[in-house]
C-alpha cells in the first residue's frame, strides 16, 4: 500500500528517474512534471503529501512555482522541497525559504541522506505549522530578490561560457606540414569554425537571458509607473531597471558577436561618418593620447548600420587606448582595397571584391602571436580581472562579418597594433529618412490583440502592459490554444502579437493560419533574437513587423501602434 503521492518536478528525465526510483523504493507513489506550470495544474487535481522541485526549468521555474504554491489556499499546507544543482548560493537558499519552502537540498545528495531529509520534512507535517512565505507588501520586493537570484545565475552561466571558451582555446588542430599554403589555409578554416561555434553558443545564452530580462524590466517598469517619484520604493525600482538594462547591453554584445543582433543598414559615406565621430573619440581617449584622422581620397559609401560603425570605431579606439602606457598616438585612416580569387583562396576570411578600408593604428605595447590568435574570441582579455569584459574586439569581429566584410590585425611586441576593417563598397546614394512621428495615445477598448507566448511569465506581464494601454487582450500560451480562442471569438482579431519560436508551430506559421480566418489581421512578432537572425520558417513574412526582447513599455506601445496603423 502506498504511503502517499509525491509530486516530482524537473525538466531533466534522468533526474526524474532518480527521484522516482528512490521514492518508490520507500513505498511512495510519484507523479512527474517537466515544469512548474504543469506541476501546478497536477497539484490542484491532488491529492499529494509532498512536492519536490528543481529551480531552473522552462515555462515556470521553481521559485515561481513555490510562490504560487504557498499562495494557494489548498496547497500551502503541503510541504514544498527544493532540489537543485544550479542555485547553490546561501542567498538562494534564504530566498527559497523566504518564499515558504520547507527544505532546500543541493544536488548531488547521497540516497540515505536524501531519504532522511525527506522523512524529516514529512514528520514535521502536523507537528508544526506549514511554512508560509515572508510577507512582501510590494511586488518590487519579490522582483528585486528574484532579479538578484537571476543575476547570480547569469554570472554563473557567464563563468561556464568563459570556461567553454577557454577549453575551445586549448584545443589545437593537428595541421598538415606537407605544403605551406595548405597548412595556412587549414589553420584559418579551423579558426573560423571555432569562432562560429562560440558565436552560436553565445547567441543561445543571450537569447535565454533576453527572455528573463523582459520579465524583470517589464514588471519594474510597471511598478515605477504606479509609484510616486518621491516614494523611496521608486529609487529601488530604478536600481533594478538600471541593472537589467546593463545586463541587456551585455547580451546585445553577445548577440553582435554571434551576428544575431541586427541594425537596419543604410548607405553611409565612410569619410563623413568617421569625421563626425572624431571629436567624440578624442574626448573618449583623453588628453594624453593624440588622435590623428587621415581620410583617403575619393572614397564612397558603405552599407552598414550607423550605430554599428560607431561601435567598430569606439571599440578599436578603446582597445588602442588601453594598449598605450602613458602618452601615445592613435591614427585612423581610410582607403581603397581590392582582392582577387587567388589571394582569397589563401585567406579563409577574405572575399573577392572591392572594399573601402578603415584602419586604426596605435603605438602601444603590441601583441605576440599567441595573443593575436585569440584576439577576437569573446571573453579573451589581457587586462586585469575586473578591468574588461573581453567582448570589445569580439563585437567588432561579429559586426564586420555580419556586414559582409572582414577584419585583420597586425602587431608585434613593442610595435603597437593595426586593425584593418574591410567593408564592401556601395554605389547608391543614401536615402533620406523622415523623422519618426510620435506615437499617439493608445485607443481605449476598441482593438483586440491576440497575444501568444509560451513563457508564462512573459505572457502575464505583456498582457498586463497591453491592458494598461487600453487594448482588449486575448492571451494564449500555445499556438493551438490561440487558434481555438480566435475561432470562438464573436468579433475580429485586429493584431497578432506572438513569440516566434514556440512548441507545436512557429509564430510565423500561426500568423499564416490566422490570416485565413482574419484577412485584415496585422502581425507583430517578438523574439530574444533579432529579426535578421531568423531564417527559414522562422523568418518574418513581408508585411509583418518585429520587436526584439527585452523591450520597454514605451517601445512596445510604439510598435503595436505602428503595426495597427500599417496598410494591409
Protein backbone atom coordinates (compact mmCIF):
# COMPACT_ATOMS: atom_id res chain seq x y z
CA UNK A 1 0.00 0.00 0.00
CA UNK A 2 1.35 3.42 -0.98
CA UNK A 3 2.49 5.80 1.76
CA UNK A 4 1.16 8.69 -0.32
CA UNK A 5 1.66 10.57 -3.58
CA UNK A 6 4.69 12.84 -4.10
CA UNK A 7 4.85 15.37 -6.96
CA UNK A 8 8.35 15.49 -8.51
CA UNK A 9 9.15 18.43 -10.79
CA UNK A 10 12.23 18.54 -13.06
CA UNK A 11 12.82 19.16 -16.78
CA UNK A 12 15.62 16.55 -16.82
CA UNK A 13 14.39 12.99 -17.45
CA UNK A 14 17.38 11.45 -15.66
CA UNK A 15 16.69 13.45 -12.51
CA UNK A 16 13.02 12.41 -12.59
CA UNK A 17 14.07 8.77 -12.98
CA UNK A 18 16.42 9.03 -9.96
CA UNK A 19 13.72 10.59 -7.75
CA UNK A 20 11.06 8.12 -8.88
CA UNK A 21 13.33 5.09 -8.24
CA UNK A 22 14.41 6.34 -4.82
CA UNK A 23 10.96 7.33 -3.55
CA UNK A 24 9.03 4.37 -4.95
CA UNK A 25 11.55 2.03 -3.30
CA UNK A 26 10.44 3.57 0.01
CA UNK A 27 6.78 2.90 -0.77
CA UNK A 28 5.68 6.27 -2.16
CA UNK A 29 3.79 6.88 -5.38
CA UNK A 30 5.36 9.54 -7.62
CA UNK A 31 3.81 11.82 -10.24
CA UNK A 32 6.29 13.59 -12.58
CA UNK A 33 6.02 17.07 -14.13
CA UNK A 34 8.54 18.74 -16.53
CA UNK A 35 7.93 22.33 -15.40
CA UNK A 36 6.24 24.48 -12.77
CA UNK A 37 3.13 25.27 -14.81
CA UNK A 38 2.28 21.60 -15.41
CA UNK A 39 3.12 20.76 -11.79
CA UNK A 40 0.72 23.43 -10.53
CA UNK A 41 -2.06 22.02 -12.70
CA UNK A 42 -1.43 18.45 -11.44
CA UNK A 43 -1.22 19.61 -7.81
CA UNK A 44 -4.64 21.21 -7.94
CA UNK A 45 -6.07 17.85 -9.06
CA UNK A 46 -4.42 16.27 -5.98
CA UNK A 47 -4.03 14.80 -3.53
CA UNK A 48 -0.29 14.97 -2.68
CA UNK A 49 1.64 14.75 0.56
CA UNK A 50 4.79 16.47 -0.71
CA UNK A 51 6.29 18.37 -3.68
CA UNK A 52 9.98 18.13 -4.68
CA UNK A 53 11.05 20.63 -7.34
CA UNK A 54 14.08 21.73 -9.32
CA UNK A 55 14.52 25.52 -9.79
CA UNK A 56 15.83 26.20 -13.31
CA UNK A 57 13.08 24.99 -15.69
CA UNK A 58 11.27 26.27 -18.79
CA UNK A 59 7.76 27.82 -18.80
CA UNK A 60 7.64 28.34 -14.99
CA UNK A 61 10.71 27.91 -12.76
CA UNK A 62 10.81 26.50 -9.24
CA UNK A 63 10.80 29.89 -7.49
CA UNK A 64 7.62 30.94 -9.30
CA UNK A 65 6.05 27.52 -8.61
CA UNK A 66 6.77 27.75 -4.86
CA UNK A 67 5.37 31.27 -4.73
CA UNK A 68 2.13 30.20 -6.43
CA UNK A 69 2.00 27.05 -4.27
CA UNK A 70 2.16 28.94 -0.99
CA UNK A 71 -0.41 31.47 -2.19
CA UNK A 72 -2.91 28.68 -2.98
CA UNK A 73 -5.26 28.04 -0.05
CA UNK A 74 -5.48 24.29 -0.82
CA UNK A 75 -1.77 23.71 -1.50
CA UNK A 76 0.01 25.86 1.07
CA UNK A 77 -0.25 23.22 3.81
CA UNK A 78 1.52 20.62 1.62
CA UNK A 79 5.31 20.65 2.22
CA UNK A 80 7.48 22.00 -0.62
CA UNK A 81 11.15 20.97 -1.06
CA UNK A 82 13.69 22.43 -3.49
CA UNK A 83 16.22 20.01 -5.01
CA UNK A 84 18.69 21.95 -7.17
CA UNK A 85 22.18 21.84 -8.66
CA UNK A 86 22.20 25.33 -10.20
CA UNK A 87 21.09 27.70 -7.42
CA UNK A 88 23.57 26.79 -4.66
CA UNK A 89 24.37 30.15 -3.13
CA UNK A 90 23.35 30.67 0.52
CA UNK A 91 21.38 33.74 -0.62
CA UNK A 92 19.39 31.48 -2.98
CA UNK A 93 18.63 29.21 -0.02
CA UNK A 94 17.40 32.13 2.08
CA UNK A 95 15.29 33.41 -0.81
CA UNK A 96 13.76 29.94 -1.31
CA UNK A 97 12.92 29.53 2.38
CA UNK A 98 11.55 33.07 2.38
CA UNK A 99 9.10 32.00 -0.32
CA UNK A 100 7.79 29.36 2.07
CA UNK A 101 9.83 26.27 1.08
CA UNK A 102 10.17 23.63 3.82
CA UNK A 103 13.65 22.46 2.78
CA UNK A 104 16.44 23.34 0.33
CA UNK A 105 18.54 20.35 -0.86
CA UNK A 106 21.59 20.76 -3.10
CA UNK A 107 22.39 18.10 -5.71
CA UNK A 108 24.02 15.63 -5.64
CA UNK A 109 22.80 14.10 -2.38
CA UNK A 110 23.58 10.64 -1.04
CA UNK A 111 20.42 8.46 -1.24
CA UNK A 112 20.37 7.73 2.51
CA UNK A 113 20.85 11.41 3.36
CA UNK A 114 18.14 12.38 0.87
CA UNK A 115 15.68 9.83 2.33
CA UNK A 116 16.42 11.07 5.84
CA UNK A 117 15.79 14.71 4.89
CA UNK A 118 12.52 13.88 3.11
CA UNK A 119 11.42 11.78 6.09
CA UNK A 120 12.10 14.66 8.48
CA UNK A 121 10.07 17.04 6.30
CA UNK A 122 7.10 14.63 6.27
CA UNK A 123 7.32 14.05 10.02
CA UNK A 124 7.07 17.78 10.59
CA UNK A 125 3.67 17.81 8.87
CA UNK A 126 1.00 18.07 11.59
CA UNK A 127 3.53 18.71 14.37
CA UNK A 128 4.33 22.25 13.22
CA UNK A 129 2.54 24.86 11.13
CA UNK A 130 3.30 24.83 7.40
CA UNK A 131 5.95 27.17 6.11
CA UNK A 132 4.44 30.39 4.78
CA UNK A 133 6.21 32.96 2.64
CA UNK A 134 7.59 36.10 4.19
CA UNK A 135 5.15 38.95 3.70
CA UNK A 136 6.17 41.20 0.81
CA UNK A 137 3.91 44.21 0.81
CA UNK A 138 5.25 45.41 -2.51
CA UNK A 139 5.74 43.45 -5.72
CA UNK A 140 9.11 45.18 -6.06
CA UNK A 141 10.50 43.31 -3.03
CA UNK A 142 9.89 39.93 -4.65
CA UNK A 143 11.05 41.29 -8.00
CA UNK A 144 14.31 42.58 -6.52
CA UNK A 145 15.04 39.27 -4.78
CA UNK A 146 14.10 37.29 -7.89
CA UNK A 147 16.28 39.60 -10.00
CA UNK A 148 19.23 39.07 -7.66
CA UNK A 149 18.84 35.30 -7.99
CA UNK A 150 18.70 35.56 -11.79
CA UNK A 151 21.77 37.81 -11.86
CA UNK A 152 23.69 35.28 -9.76
CA UNK A 153 22.65 32.62 -12.25
CA UNK A 154 23.69 34.90 -15.13
CA UNK A 155 27.13 35.28 -13.57
CA UNK A 156 27.35 31.51 -13.20
CA UNK A 157 26.37 30.99 -16.84
CA UNK A 158 28.94 33.57 -17.94
CA UNK A 159 31.61 31.71 -15.96
CA UNK A 160 30.54 28.47 -17.65
CA UNK A 161 30.65 30.18 -21.04
CA UNK A 162 34.09 31.57 -20.25
CA UNK A 163 35.23 28.07 -19.26
CA UNK A 164 33.88 26.68 -22.54
CA UNK A 165 35.74 29.37 -24.47
CA UNK A 166 38.97 28.58 -22.64
CA UNK A 167 38.50 24.88 -23.39
CA UNK A 168 37.99 25.70 -27.05
CA UNK A 169 41.09 27.87 -26.98
CA UNK A 170 43.06 24.97 -25.50
CA UNK A 171 42.12 22.64 -28.36
CA UNK A 172 44.73 22.65 -31.10
CA UNK A 173 44.16 21.11 -34.50
CA UNK A 174 46.88 18.93 -35.98
CA UNK A 175 47.86 20.68 -39.18
CA UNK A 176 49.36 19.22 -42.31
CA UNK A 177 53.01 20.05 -42.83
CA UNK A 178 53.45 18.95 -46.43
CA UNK A 179 52.55 22.26 -48.06
CA UNK A 180 52.91 25.68 -46.51
CA UNK A 181 49.86 27.13 -48.25
CA UNK A 182 47.63 24.20 -47.25
CA UNK A 183 48.84 24.47 -43.65
CA UNK A 184 47.95 28.18 -43.56
CA UNK A 185 44.50 27.61 -45.10
CA UNK A 186 43.63 24.78 -42.70
CA UNK A 187 44.58 26.91 -39.71
CA UNK A 188 42.35 29.75 -40.90
CA UNK A 189 39.41 27.42 -41.54
CA UNK A 190 39.75 25.90 -38.08
CA UNK A 191 39.76 29.37 -36.52
CA UNK A 192 36.65 30.39 -38.47
CA UNK A 193 34.78 27.22 -37.42
CA UNK A 194 35.76 27.74 -33.80
CA UNK A 195 34.57 31.34 -33.85
CA UNK A 196 31.29 30.23 -35.43
CA UNK A 197 30.75 27.60 -32.70
CA UNK A 198 31.44 30.12 -29.96
CA UNK A 199 29.07 32.52 -31.71
CA UNK A 200 26.22 30.01 -31.69
CA UNK A 201 26.78 29.29 -28.00
CA UNK A 202 26.94 33.00 -27.15
CA UNK A 203 23.78 33.72 -29.14
CA UNK A 204 21.83 30.97 -27.37
CA UNK A 205 22.83 32.18 -23.92
CA UNK A 206 21.97 35.78 -24.82
CA UNK A 207 18.55 34.76 -26.19
CA UNK A 208 17.61 32.93 -22.97
CA UNK A 209 18.63 35.85 -20.79
CA UNK A 210 16.80 38.32 -23.01
CA UNK A 211 13.61 36.41 -22.14
CA UNK A 212 14.33 36.64 -18.40
CA UNK A 213 15.29 40.30 -18.67
CA UNK A 214 11.98 41.01 -20.45
CA UNK A 215 10.09 39.91 -17.35
CA UNK A 216 12.33 41.85 -14.96
CA UNK A 217 12.27 45.09 -16.95
CA UNK A 218 8.52 44.95 -17.66
CA UNK A 219 7.45 44.41 -14.04
CA UNK A 220 9.91 47.02 -12.82
CA UNK A 221 8.60 49.49 -15.42
CA UNK A 222 5.01 48.79 -14.34
CA UNK A 223 5.82 49.33 -10.65
CA UNK A 224 7.75 52.52 -11.45
CA UNK A 225 4.75 53.92 -13.34
CA UNK A 226 2.48 53.17 -10.37
CA UNK A 227 4.82 54.59 -7.74
CA UNK A 228 5.11 58.23 -6.72
CA UNK A 229 8.59 59.55 -7.64
CA UNK A 230 9.04 60.75 -4.04
CA UNK A 231 8.44 57.23 -2.67
CA UNK A 232 11.74 55.54 -1.62
CA UNK A 233 10.50 52.45 -3.46
CA UNK A 234 10.83 54.39 -6.73
CA UNK A 235 14.60 54.66 -6.16
CA UNK A 236 14.88 50.89 -5.57
CA UNK A 237 12.93 50.08 -8.73
CA UNK A 238 15.13 52.42 -10.77
CA UNK A 239 18.14 50.48 -9.50
CA UNK A 240 16.50 47.23 -10.69
CA UNK A 241 15.85 48.77 -14.11
CA UNK A 242 19.42 50.05 -14.30
CA UNK A 243 20.86 46.60 -13.52
CA UNK A 244 18.54 44.98 -16.05
CA UNK A 245 19.50 47.48 -18.78
CA UNK A 246 23.20 46.86 -18.13
CA UNK A 247 22.54 43.12 -18.43
CA UNK A 248 20.63 43.75 -21.67
CA UNK A 249 23.65 45.69 -23.01
CA UNK A 250 25.83 42.66 -22.25
CA UNK A 251 23.50 40.31 -24.13
CA UNK A 252 23.46 42.72 -27.09
CA UNK A 253 27.25 42.49 -27.25
CA UNK A 254 27.00 38.69 -27.24
CA UNK A 255 24.36 38.83 -29.99
CA UNK A 256 26.52 41.22 -32.01
CA UNK A 257 29.42 38.75 -31.83
CA UNK A 258 27.08 35.89 -32.76
CA UNK A 259 25.72 38.02 -35.66
CA UNK A 260 22.22 37.68 -34.20
CA UNK A 261 21.72 41.35 -33.39
CA UNK A 262 20.98 43.45 -36.45
CA UNK A 263 20.71 47.16 -37.11
CA UNK A 264 18.93 48.26 -40.32
CA UNK A 265 21.74 49.08 -42.79
CA UNK A 266 21.97 52.45 -44.51
CA UNK A 267 24.21 53.86 -47.21
CA UNK A 268 26.85 55.78 -45.24
CA UNK A 269 29.69 57.96 -46.53
CA UNK A 270 32.65 56.41 -44.71
CA UNK A 271 34.78 59.55 -44.51
CA UNK A 272 31.86 61.71 -43.34
CA UNK A 273 30.84 59.20 -40.66
CA UNK A 274 34.37 58.80 -39.28
CA UNK A 275 34.96 62.55 -39.38
CA UNK A 276 31.76 63.15 -37.40
CA UNK A 277 32.87 60.62 -34.77
CA UNK A 278 36.42 62.01 -34.40
CA UNK A 279 35.66 64.73 -31.78
CA UNK A 280 33.79 62.21 -29.61
CA UNK A 281 36.64 59.70 -29.94
CA UNK A 282 39.21 62.33 -28.88
CA UNK A 283 37.23 63.05 -25.70
CA UNK A 284 36.99 59.30 -25.10
CA UNK A 285 40.76 58.83 -25.45
CA UNK A 286 41.66 61.66 -23.09
CA UNK A 287 44.33 64.37 -23.18
CA UNK A 288 47.34 62.02 -23.00
CA UNK A 289 46.59 60.35 -26.35
CA UNK A 290 46.70 62.20 -29.67
CA UNK A 291 44.10 61.20 -32.27
CA UNK A 292 45.08 61.65 -35.91
CA UNK A 293 42.41 61.36 -38.65
CA UNK A 294 43.66 60.74 -42.23
CA UNK A 295 40.78 60.36 -44.68
CA UNK A 296 41.55 58.75 -48.05
CA UNK A 297 40.75 60.50 -51.30
CA UNK A 298 37.76 59.60 -53.44
CA UNK A 299 36.10 57.24 -51.01
CA UNK A 300 32.41 56.38 -51.40
CA UNK A 301 29.75 54.74 -49.32
CA UNK A 302 29.34 51.51 -47.37
CA UNK A 303 26.06 49.79 -46.49
CA UNK A 304 26.04 49.40 -42.68
CA UNK A 305 24.00 50.26 -39.63
CA UNK A 306 25.18 53.70 -38.42
CA UNK A 307 25.40 52.51 -34.81
CA UNK A 308 27.44 49.51 -35.99
CA UNK A 309 30.07 51.82 -37.48
CA UNK A 310 30.15 53.79 -34.22
CA UNK A 311 30.65 50.55 -32.27
CA UNK A 312 33.53 49.48 -34.52
CA UNK A 313 35.35 52.80 -34.13
CA UNK A 314 34.73 53.08 -30.40
CA UNK A 315 35.85 49.53 -29.58
CA UNK A 316 39.00 49.75 -31.74
CA UNK A 317 39.99 53.12 -30.28
CA UNK A 318 39.36 51.99 -26.69
CA UNK A 319 41.44 48.87 -27.37
CA UNK A 320 44.27 51.06 -28.65
CA UNK A 321 43.96 53.43 -25.70
CA UNK A 322 44.23 50.55 -23.22
CA UNK A 323 47.35 49.26 -25.00
CA UNK A 324 49.16 52.59 -24.54
CA UNK A 325 51.03 53.26 -21.31
CA UNK A 326 51.25 56.99 -20.60
CA UNK A 327 51.20 59.24 -23.65
CA UNK A 328 50.67 57.92 -27.15
CA UNK A 329 49.03 58.24 -30.54
CA UNK A 330 46.17 56.61 -32.41
CA UNK A 331 45.78 57.04 -36.18
CA UNK A 332 42.53 56.42 -38.07
CA UNK A 333 42.85 56.08 -41.85
CA UNK A 334 40.58 55.17 -44.74
CA UNK A 335 41.43 53.95 -48.22
CA UNK A 336 40.54 51.60 -51.08
CA UNK A 337 41.33 47.89 -51.39
CA UNK A 338 40.56 45.03 -53.79
CA UNK A 339 41.16 41.26 -53.55
CA UNK A 340 41.09 38.62 -56.29
CA UNK A 341 40.15 34.94 -56.00
CA UNK A 342 43.78 33.78 -55.91
CA UNK A 343 44.50 35.90 -52.83
CA UNK A 344 41.25 34.89 -51.12
CA UNK A 345 41.96 31.19 -51.70
CA UNK A 346 44.83 31.55 -49.22
CA UNK A 347 42.86 33.67 -46.73
CA UNK A 348 39.67 31.98 -45.49
CA UNK A 349 38.16 35.15 -44.00
CA UNK A 350 38.63 37.21 -47.19
CA UNK A 351 36.21 37.51 -50.08
CA UNK A 352 36.89 38.65 -53.65
CA UNK A 353 35.72 42.14 -54.46
CA UNK A 354 36.29 45.84 -53.96
CA UNK A 355 36.28 47.32 -50.45
CA UNK A 356 36.72 50.52 -48.51
CA UNK A 357 39.35 50.08 -45.80
CA UNK A 358 39.12 51.54 -42.29
CA UNK A 359 42.29 51.16 -40.20
CA UNK A 360 43.04 52.04 -36.58
CA UNK A 361 46.72 52.05 -35.53
CA UNK A 362 48.14 52.59 -32.05
CA UNK A 363 51.73 52.86 -30.79
CA UNK A 364 51.04 50.77 -27.68
CA UNK A 365 52.78 47.70 -26.33
CA UNK A 366 51.73 45.39 -29.17
CA UNK A 367 50.87 41.69 -29.11
CA UNK A 368 52.69 38.41 -29.65
CA UNK A 369 51.44 35.59 -31.90
CA UNK A 370 49.72 33.75 -29.05
CA UNK A 371 47.60 36.81 -28.20
CA UNK A 372 46.93 37.54 -31.90
CA UNK A 373 45.47 34.05 -32.41
CA UNK A 374 42.86 34.71 -29.70
CA UNK A 375 42.29 38.45 -30.00
CA UNK A 376 38.76 38.23 -31.50
CA UNK A 377 37.48 35.49 -29.20
CA UNK A 378 34.80 36.55 -26.67
CA UNK A 379 35.90 36.87 -23.03
CA UNK A 380 39.58 36.79 -24.00
CA UNK A 381 41.40 39.74 -22.47
CA UNK A 382 44.94 40.60 -21.39
CA UNK A 383 43.63 43.12 -18.85
CA UNK A 384 43.49 42.62 -15.12
CA UNK A 385 40.46 40.92 -13.59
CA UNK A 386 37.53 43.35 -13.45
CA UNK A 387 39.10 45.77 -15.98
CA UNK A 388 37.33 44.46 -19.09
CA UNK A 389 34.72 42.01 -20.39
CA UNK A 390 36.75 40.69 -23.31
CA UNK A 391 33.86 41.46 -25.68
CA UNK A 392 35.05 44.65 -27.42
CA UNK A 393 37.06 43.11 -30.27
CA UNK A 394 34.70 40.13 -30.45
CA UNK A 395 31.88 42.62 -31.09
CA UNK A 396 33.91 44.26 -33.88
CA UNK A 397 34.52 40.86 -35.46
CA UNK A 398 30.82 39.92 -35.36
CA UNK A 399 29.60 43.26 -36.74
CA UNK A 400 32.07 43.26 -39.63
CA UNK A 401 31.22 39.67 -40.56
CA UNK A 402 27.52 40.49 -40.40
CA UNK A 403 28.06 43.35 -42.87
CA UNK A 404 29.82 41.04 -45.37
CA UNK A 405 33.27 42.35 -44.56
CA UNK A 406 36.33 41.11 -42.71
CA UNK A 407 38.88 42.43 -40.23
CA UNK A 408 42.62 41.77 -39.92
CA UNK A 409 45.22 42.67 -37.31
CA UNK A 410 48.98 43.17 -37.48
CA UNK A 411 51.12 43.55 -34.38
CA UNK A 412 54.43 42.77 -32.76
CA UNK A 413 55.53 43.22 -29.14
CA UNK A 414 56.68 46.80 -28.59
CA UNK A 415 55.49 47.96 -32.04
CA UNK A 416 51.83 48.73 -31.48
CA UNK A 417 48.96 47.25 -33.49
CA UNK A 418 46.99 47.96 -36.66
CA UNK A 419 43.42 46.75 -37.11
CA UNK A 420 42.10 46.92 -40.67
CA UNK A 421 38.36 46.67 -41.37
CA UNK A 422 37.27 45.97 -44.95
CA UNK A 423 33.67 46.80 -45.88
CA UNK A 424 32.15 46.24 -49.37
CA UNK A 425 31.73 49.37 -51.48
CA UNK A 426 28.19 50.62 -52.00
CA UNK A 427 27.31 52.73 -55.04
CA UNK A 428 23.82 54.02 -54.16
CA UNK A 429 23.19 57.42 -52.61
CA UNK A 430 21.94 57.44 -49.03
CA UNK A 431 18.16 57.57 -48.83
CA UNK A 432 16.52 60.40 -46.97
CA UNK A 433 14.55 59.28 -43.96
CA UNK A 434 11.79 61.32 -42.42
CA UNK A 435 11.95 61.80 -38.63
CA UNK A 436 9.74 59.28 -36.81
CA UNK A 437 6.34 60.63 -35.82
CA UNK A 438 5.49 60.43 -32.11
CA UNK A 439 3.14 57.57 -31.25
CA UNK A 440 -0.32 58.85 -30.26
CA UNK A 441 -2.10 57.61 -27.18
CA UNK A 442 -3.43 54.07 -27.42
CA UNK A 443 -7.16 53.59 -28.14
CA UNK A 444 -9.28 52.56 -25.20
CA UNK A 445 -11.17 49.26 -25.52
CA UNK A 446 -11.54 49.43 -29.31
CA UNK A 447 -8.87 47.00 -30.51
CA UNK A 448 -8.47 43.26 -29.85
CA UNK A 449 -4.96 41.81 -29.65
CA UNK A 450 -4.29 38.06 -29.68
CA UNK A 451 -1.14 37.57 -27.54
CA UNK A 452 0.72 34.25 -27.89
CA UNK A 453 3.80 33.47 -25.76
CA UNK A 454 4.92 30.10 -24.36
CA UNK A 455 6.91 31.68 -21.49
CA UNK A 456 4.12 32.19 -18.94
CA UNK A 457 5.94 34.92 -17.03
CA UNK A 458 6.33 36.98 -20.24
CA UNK A 459 2.73 36.20 -21.21
CA UNK A 460 1.40 37.55 -17.89
CA UNK A 461 3.39 40.78 -17.83
CA UNK A 462 2.80 41.56 -21.53
CA UNK A 463 -0.94 41.02 -21.02
CA UNK A 464 -0.85 43.44 -18.09
CA UNK A 465 1.01 46.06 -20.15
CA UNK A 466 -1.36 45.84 -23.14
CA UNK A 467 -4.44 46.04 -20.92
CA UNK A 468 -2.99 49.11 -19.19
CA UNK A 469 -2.52 50.61 -22.67
CA UNK A 470 -6.24 50.18 -23.29
CA UNK A 471 -6.37 47.15 -25.58
CA UNK A 472 -8.65 44.12 -25.34
CA UNK A 473 -6.25 41.20 -24.88
CA UNK A 474 -6.83 37.51 -25.58
CA UNK A 475 -3.88 35.54 -24.16
CA UNK A 476 -2.71 32.06 -25.18
CA UNK A 477 0.35 30.06 -24.11
CA UNK A 478 0.43 27.79 -27.20
CA UNK A 479 -0.39 28.21 -30.90
CA UNK A 480 -3.09 25.55 -30.62
CA UNK A 481 -4.81 27.43 -27.80
CA UNK A 482 -4.56 30.64 -29.82
CA UNK A 483 -6.32 29.03 -32.81
CA UNK A 484 -9.10 27.67 -30.59
CA UNK A 485 -9.65 31.01 -28.82
CA UNK A 486 -9.65 33.00 -32.07
CA UNK A 487 -12.29 30.73 -33.64
CA UNK A 488 -14.54 31.19 -30.59
CA UNK A 489 -14.31 34.99 -30.56
CA UNK A 490 -17.52 36.82 -31.55
CA UNK A 491 -15.64 39.62 -33.31
CA UNK A 492 -12.44 40.35 -35.23
CA UNK A 493 -8.84 39.98 -34.05
CA UNK A 494 -7.06 43.19 -35.07
CA UNK A 495 -3.47 42.28 -34.19
CA UNK A 496 -1.49 39.11 -33.54
CA UNK A 497 1.40 39.70 -31.11
CA UNK A 498 3.31 36.42 -30.99
CA UNK A 499 6.64 34.94 -30.00
CA UNK A 500 8.48 33.38 -32.95
CA UNK A 501 9.91 30.08 -31.67
CA UNK A 502 7.29 28.00 -29.83
CA UNK A 503 6.20 24.35 -29.47
CA UNK A 504 3.65 22.89 -31.93
CA UNK A 505 4.32 25.53 -34.59
CA UNK A 506 6.23 28.79 -35.02
CA UNK A 507 4.60 32.17 -34.54
CA UNK A 508 5.04 32.80 -38.27
CA UNK A 509 3.10 29.65 -39.17
CA UNK A 510 0.39 30.61 -36.68
CA UNK A 511 0.12 34.03 -38.31
CA UNK A 512 -0.39 32.44 -41.74
CA UNK A 513 -3.19 30.22 -40.40
CA UNK A 514 -4.90 33.17 -38.69
CA UNK A 515 -4.79 35.22 -41.90
CA UNK A 516 -7.23 32.70 -43.39
CA UNK A 517 -9.70 33.47 -40.55
CA UNK A 518 -8.97 37.21 -40.39
CA UNK A 519 -7.73 38.51 -43.79
CA UNK A 520 -7.13 42.00 -42.38
CA UNK A 521 -5.04 40.73 -39.44
CA UNK A 522 -1.94 42.79 -38.58
CA UNK A 523 1.05 40.85 -37.25
CA UNK A 524 3.79 41.83 -34.80
CA UNK A 525 6.36 39.21 -33.79
CA UNK A 526 8.74 39.25 -30.82
CA UNK A 527 11.85 37.24 -30.01
CA UNK A 528 15.04 37.21 -27.95
CA UNK A 529 16.86 37.03 -31.30
CA UNK A 530 16.95 39.92 -33.77
CA UNK A 531 14.76 39.68 -36.88
CA UNK A 532 17.75 39.46 -39.20
CA UNK A 533 19.00 36.28 -37.48
CA UNK A 534 15.72 34.39 -38.04
CA UNK A 535 15.69 32.33 -41.23
CA UNK A 536 13.69 29.63 -42.99
CA UNK A 537 10.23 29.06 -41.48
CA UNK A 538 11.09 31.45 -38.63
CA UNK A 539 11.76 34.43 -40.93
CA UNK A 540 9.12 37.18 -40.60
CA UNK A 541 6.72 37.45 -43.56
CA UNK A 542 6.55 40.50 -45.76
CA UNK A 543 4.18 42.97 -44.15
CA UNK A 544 4.78 41.67 -40.63
CA UNK A 545 6.60 43.72 -38.01
CA UNK A 546 9.11 42.71 -35.36
CA UNK A 547 10.18 43.79 -31.84
CA UNK A 548 13.19 42.39 -30.04
CA UNK A 549 13.16 41.36 -26.38
CA UNK A 550 13.71 42.83 -23.88
CA UNK A 551 11.61 45.91 -24.63
CA UNK A 552 10.26 48.77 -22.55
CA UNK A 553 6.57 49.65 -22.23
CA UNK A 554 7.14 52.70 -24.46
CA UNK A 555 8.84 50.61 -27.16
CA UNK A 556 6.04 48.04 -27.13
CA UNK A 557 3.36 50.74 -27.28
CA UNK A 558 5.02 52.36 -30.30
CA UNK A 559 5.49 49.05 -32.14
CA UNK A 560 1.86 48.00 -31.54
CA UNK A 561 0.64 51.38 -32.76
CA UNK A 562 2.82 51.16 -35.91
CA UNK A 563 1.59 47.63 -36.66
CA UNK A 564 -2.07 48.59 -36.27
CA UNK A 565 -1.69 51.67 -38.50
CA UNK A 566 0.27 49.85 -41.22
CA UNK A 567 -1.53 49.31 -44.56
CA UNK A 568 -2.74 45.81 -45.42
